[in-house]
Amino acid sequence: SSLLLMSGVVVIVGLCRRLARRRLRSRPHLFAFLVEMFSTFQICACTNELSLLGNVEPKPHTALTLTYGFTVLHGLTLAGSTCNPCGTLQPMWGGGTPLRVGGLKIAAQFVAAVLARVFMHFIWSLEMAEPHFGALSRGCSSPMQTTEVQAFCIELLFSVVFQLAVLRAESVNPKYRVHLVALLITMLVYAGGNLTGAIFNPALAFSLHADCFYDKFLSYSLVYWIAPSLGKFLILYVF
């Protein structure tokens, strides 16, 4: 049921992106906003569902396999979208994207994060699959299983590694690049998933753990918003 749900989200988002591409080419700002929103919604919704499958046996092989598979699927179906505020900062910093368009994309990403969370909570309330039972009663299922300083350093390091790898992979054939990026994300999740969740995406972090942001806004904003953004700026400044 979870796989069917995530596959349905991918199909619906694909149809919405195609419809927007056909109807809104003459309105570039609205087109950019909606395409980025649809794409980020797909990643946030699927990752919310994947977060419930972390304890499926055999552990952690099932969760890591699904992470790799759906990361490849996102890469193949969401070409042209960043779905990550940190990734949107790069063309803005280099002048390739106007400030207004970049701001619209970041706004779209956080709007999608909220919409994905609301949508998935509605789906979980229907309890159509076993992992959904009791999912709404968990509240802040904190991904931070270490000190704030260590969590900050881990998310910063992972952001630097990921963003640098993406920059270096730009010269790789796209059909191989998708698998390289998916493999890297899976390795990072395996390495740090039990400590911070290995998210390094501010919008995704908010979609997954909004309750934790409400409870401990300063701590979680430092670890899951400031750290990956700082990692991106380090990459842009140094390299």
Protein backbone atom coordinates (compact mmCIF):
# COMPACT_ATOMS: atom_id res chain seq x y z
CA SER A 1 0.00 0.00 0.00
CA SER A 2 2.83 2.42 0.81
CA LEU A 3 4.53 1.72 -2.52
CA LEU A 4 1.27 2.25 -4.38
CA LEU A 5 0.70 5.50 -2.50
CA MET A 6 4.16 6.86 -3.35
CA SER A 7 3.84 5.72 -6.97
CA GLY A 8 0.48 7.49 -7.18
CA VAL A 9 2.04 10.70 -5.89
CA VAL A 10 4.75 10.47 -8.57
CA VAL A 11 2.19 9.96 -11.33
CA ILE A 12 -0.06 12.81 -10.18
CA VAL A 13 2.87 15.21 -9.83
CA GLY A 14 4.07 14.23 -13.30
CA LEU A 15 0.66 15.06 -14.75
CA CYS A 16 0.54 18.40 -12.90
CA ARG A 17 4.02 19.35 -14.14
CA ARG A 18 3.08 18.49 -17.71
CA LEU A 19 -0.15 20.49 -17.47
CA ALA A 20 1.71 23.49 -16.06
CA ARG A 21 4.30 23.25 -18.81
CA ARG A 22 1.58 23.31 -21.47
CA ARG A 23 -0.62 26.04 -20.04
CA LEU A 24 1.69 28.45 -18.23
CA ARG A 25 4.68 28.96 -20.50
CA SER A 26 3.53 32.53 -21.11
CA ARG A 27 3.62 33.25 -17.34
CA PRO A 28 7.16 32.31 -16.35
CA HIS A 29 6.96 33.36 -12.69
CA LEU A 30 3.80 31.38 -11.99
CA PHE A 31 5.19 28.48 -14.00
CA ALA A 32 8.43 28.44 -11.99
CA PHE A 33 6.52 28.60 -8.70
CA LEU A 34 4.10 25.78 -9.52
CA VAL A 35 6.66 23.42 -11.05
CA GLU A 36 8.96 23.83 -8.04
CA MET A 37 6.02 23.38 -5.68
CA PHE A 38 4.81 20.19 -7.40
CA SER A 39 8.32 18.74 -7.48
CA THR A 40 9.07 19.49 -3.83
CA PHE A 41 5.65 18.11 -2.87
CA GLN A 42 6.58 14.79 -4.48
CA ILE A 43 9.85 14.50 -2.57
CA CYS A 44 8.34 15.58 0.76
CA ALA A 45 5.27 13.35 0.47
CA CYS A 46 7.28 10.28 -0.52
CA THR A 47 9.90 10.87 2.17
CA ASN A 48 7.18 11.28 4.81
CA GLU A 49 5.89 7.86 3.82
CA LEU A 50 9.39 6.37 3.68
CA SER A 51 10.02 7.61 7.22
CA LEU A 52 7.34 5.17 8.41
CA LEU A 53 9.06 2.24 6.73
CA GLY A 54 12.38 2.53 8.57
CA ASN A 55 11.53 -0.38 10.87
CA VAL A 56 10.41 -2.76 8.14
CA GLU A 57 12.43 -5.98 8.21
CA PRO A 58 15.10 -6.63 7.23
CA LYS A 59 16.56 -3.48 8.79
CA PRO A 60 18.13 -1.32 7.46
CA HIS A 61 18.26 -2.98 4.05
CA THR A 62 14.63 -2.35 3.14
CA ALA A 63 14.71 1.33 4.07
CA LEU A 64 18.01 1.93 2.27
CA THR A 65 16.85 0.11 -0.85
CA LEU A 66 13.67 2.18 -0.96
CA THR A 67 15.68 5.36 -0.36
CA TYR A 68 17.95 4.57 -3.29
CA GLY A 69 15.10 3.52 -5.58
CA PHE A 70 12.92 6.54 -4.96
CA THR A 71 15.87 8.93 -5.14
CA VAL A 72 16.59 7.60 -8.62
CA LEU A 73 12.90 7.95 -9.48
CA HIS A 74 12.86 11.56 -8.24
CA GLY A 75 15.96 12.34 -10.27
CA LEU A 76 14.43 10.91 -13.44
CA THR A 77 11.00 12.53 -13.07
CA LEU A 78 11.91 15.92 -11.57
CA ALA A 79 14.58 17.12 -13.97
CA GLY A 80 15.03 20.88 -13.87
CA SER A 81 13.81 21.29 -10.27
CA THR A 82 16.04 21.69 -7.23
CA CYS A 83 13.46 20.91 -4.49
CA ASN A 84 15.99 22.21 -1.98
CA PRO A 85 16.39 25.85 -0.82
CA CYS A 86 20.14 25.29 -0.60
CA GLY A 87 20.25 24.23 -4.24
CA THR A 88 18.29 27.33 -5.25
CA LEU A 89 20.91 29.56 -3.60
CA GLN A 90 23.62 28.53 -6.08
CA PRO A 91 22.20 30.14 -9.26
CA MET A 92 21.06 33.13 -7.21
CA TRP A 93 24.59 33.59 -5.87
CA GLY A 94 26.09 33.28 -9.36
CA GLY A 95 23.58 35.64 -10.91
CA GLY A 96 22.05 32.99 -13.14
CA THR A 97 18.66 33.29 -11.43
CA PRO A 98 17.06 36.65 -10.61
CA LEU A 99 16.46 37.29 -6.92
CA ARG A 100 12.69 37.40 -7.44
CA VAL A 101 12.57 34.04 -9.22
CA GLY A 102 14.84 32.45 -6.63
CA GLY A 103 12.67 33.80 -3.83
CA LEU A 104 9.57 32.40 -5.53
CA LYS A 105 11.17 28.98 -5.81
CA ILE A 106 12.19 28.91 -2.15
CA ALA A 107 8.69 30.02 -1.16
CA ALA A 108 7.25 27.26 -3.37
CA GLN A 109 9.45 24.69 -1.66
CA PHE A 110 8.22 25.58 1.81
CA VAL A 111 4.60 25.79 0.66
CA ALA A 112 5.00 22.31 -0.81
CA ALA A 113 6.55 21.09 2.44
CA VAL A 114 3.47 22.19 4.38
CA LEU A 115 1.04 20.83 1.78
CA ALA A 116 2.83 17.46 1.70
CA ARG A 117 2.66 17.21 5.48
CA VAL A 118 -1.05 18.04 5.56
CA PHE A 119 -1.75 15.60 2.72
CA MET A 120 0.18 12.75 4.30
CA HIS A 121 -1.45 13.31 7.68
CA PHE A 122 -4.83 13.04 5.97
CA ILE A 123 -3.77 9.80 4.28
CA TRP A 124 -2.40 8.40 7.54
CA SER A 125 -5.67 9.24 9.31
CA LEU A 126 -7.41 6.81 6.93
CA GLU A 127 -5.10 4.00 8.19
CA MET A 128 -5.04 2.24 4.83
CA ALA A 129 -1.74 0.48 5.60
CA GLU A 130 -0.21 -1.05 8.71
CA PRO A 131 2.60 1.57 8.99
CA HIS A 132 -0.09 4.29 9.20
CA PHE A 133 -1.53 2.95 12.45
CA GLY A 134 -0.67 5.40 15.20
CA ALA A 135 1.44 7.59 12.92
CA LEU A 136 -0.47 10.75 13.87
CA SER A 137 0.01 10.22 17.60
CA ARG A 138 3.80 10.35 17.51
CA GLY A 139 4.10 14.12 17.74
CA CYS A 140 7.73 15.22 17.57
CA SER A 141 9.51 12.04 16.55
CA SER A 142 12.87 13.71 17.01
CA PRO A 143 15.51 12.71 14.44
CA MET A 144 18.22 14.38 16.53
CA GLN A 145 19.77 11.57 18.56
CA THR A 146 22.96 13.40 19.52
CA THR A 147 24.02 16.76 20.91
CA GLU A 148 23.04 19.93 19.09
CA VAL A 149 26.66 20.78 18.31
CA GLN A 150 27.33 17.34 16.82
CA ALA A 151 24.05 17.42 14.90
CA PHE A 152 24.94 20.86 13.50
CA CYS A 153 28.37 19.62 12.39
CA ILE A 154 26.92 16.46 10.81
CA GLU A 155 24.29 18.33 8.78
CA LEU A 156 26.90 20.91 7.77
CA LEU A 157 29.35 18.22 6.66
CA PHE A 158 26.69 16.23 4.80
CA SER A 159 25.49 19.38 3.03
CA VAL A 160 29.05 20.19 1.92
CA VAL A 161 29.67 16.64 0.70
CA PHE A 162 26.36 16.46 -1.13
CA GLN A 163 26.55 19.89 -2.77
CA LEU A 164 30.16 19.37 -3.81
CA ALA A 165 29.32 15.99 -5.32
CA VAL A 166 26.42 17.52 -7.25
CA LEU A 167 28.72 20.20 -8.65
CA ARG A 168 31.37 17.67 -9.62
CA ALA A 169 28.78 15.38 -11.23
CA GLU A 170 27.52 18.05 -13.63
CA SER A 171 29.90 16.76 -16.30
CA VAL A 172 28.68 13.17 -15.93
CA ASN A 173 26.16 11.71 -18.35
CA PRO A 174 22.68 12.42 -16.86
CA LYS A 175 21.62 8.75 -16.91
CA TYR A 176 24.63 7.89 -14.73
CA ARG A 177 24.50 11.08 -12.65
CA VAL A 178 21.10 10.16 -11.22
CA HIS A 179 22.45 6.89 -9.86
CA LEU A 180 25.61 8.49 -8.47
CA VAL A 181 23.59 11.10 -6.57
CA ALA A 182 21.13 8.46 -5.34
CA LEU A 183 23.99 6.27 -4.15
CA LEU A 184 25.59 9.20 -2.31
CA ILE A 185 22.30 10.11 -0.59
CA THR A 186 21.78 6.48 0.44
CA MET A 187 25.31 6.33 1.88
CA LEU A 188 24.78 9.55 3.83
CA VAL A 189 21.47 8.28 5.19
CA TYR A 190 23.18 5.05 6.25
CA ALA A 191 26.05 6.98 7.87
CA GLY A 192 24.06 9.61 9.75
CA GLY A 193 20.41 8.69 9.57
CA ASN A 194 20.42 7.37 13.12
CA LEU A 195 21.99 10.60 14.43
CA THR A 196 20.24 13.47 12.59
CA GLY A 197 18.14 11.84 9.89
CA ALA A 198 20.70 13.00 7.28
CA ILE A 199 18.24 15.43 5.71
CA PHE A 200 20.39 18.42 4.57
CA ASN A 201 17.30 20.00 2.96
CA PRO A 202 15.56 22.77 4.95
CA ALA A 203 12.17 22.34 3.27
CA LEU A 204 12.19 18.56 3.65
CA ALA A 205 13.25 18.84 7.28
CA PHE A 206 10.32 21.12 8.02
CA SER A 207 7.89 18.79 6.26
CA LEU A 208 9.16 15.75 8.17
CA HIS A 209 9.54 17.30 11.61
CA ALA A 210 7.35 20.40 11.82
CA ASP A 211 6.25 19.48 15.35
CA CYS A 212 9.88 19.53 16.48
CA PHE A 213 10.35 22.99 14.99
CA TYR A 214 7.36 24.17 16.99
CA ASP A 215 8.75 22.70 20.23
CA LYS A 216 12.42 23.61 19.82
CA PHE A 217 12.54 26.15 17.01
CA LEU A 218 16.02 27.54 17.72
CA SER A 219 17.74 24.16 17.95
CA TYR A 220 16.07 22.70 14.90
CA SER A 221 16.43 25.82 12.77
CA LEU A 222 20.17 25.88 13.53
CA VAL A 223 20.66 22.21 12.69
CA TYR A 224 18.28 21.75 9.76
CA TRP A 225 18.13 25.24 8.22
CA ILE A 226 21.29 27.15 9.08
CA ALA A 227 23.76 24.25 8.88
CA PRO A 228 22.89 23.08 5.32
CA SER A 229 22.62 26.68 4.10
CA LEU A 230 26.02 27.46 5.59
CA GLY A 231 27.42 24.36 3.91
CA LYS A 232 26.14 25.61 0.58
CA PHE A 233 27.71 29.03 1.06
CA LEU A 234 31.04 27.40 2.00
CA ILE A 235 30.96 25.43 -1.24
CA LEU A 236 30.13 28.52 -3.30
CA TYR A 237 32.78 30.64 -1.59
CA VAL A 238 35.63 28.12 -1.57
CA PHE A 239 35.10 26.29 -4.84
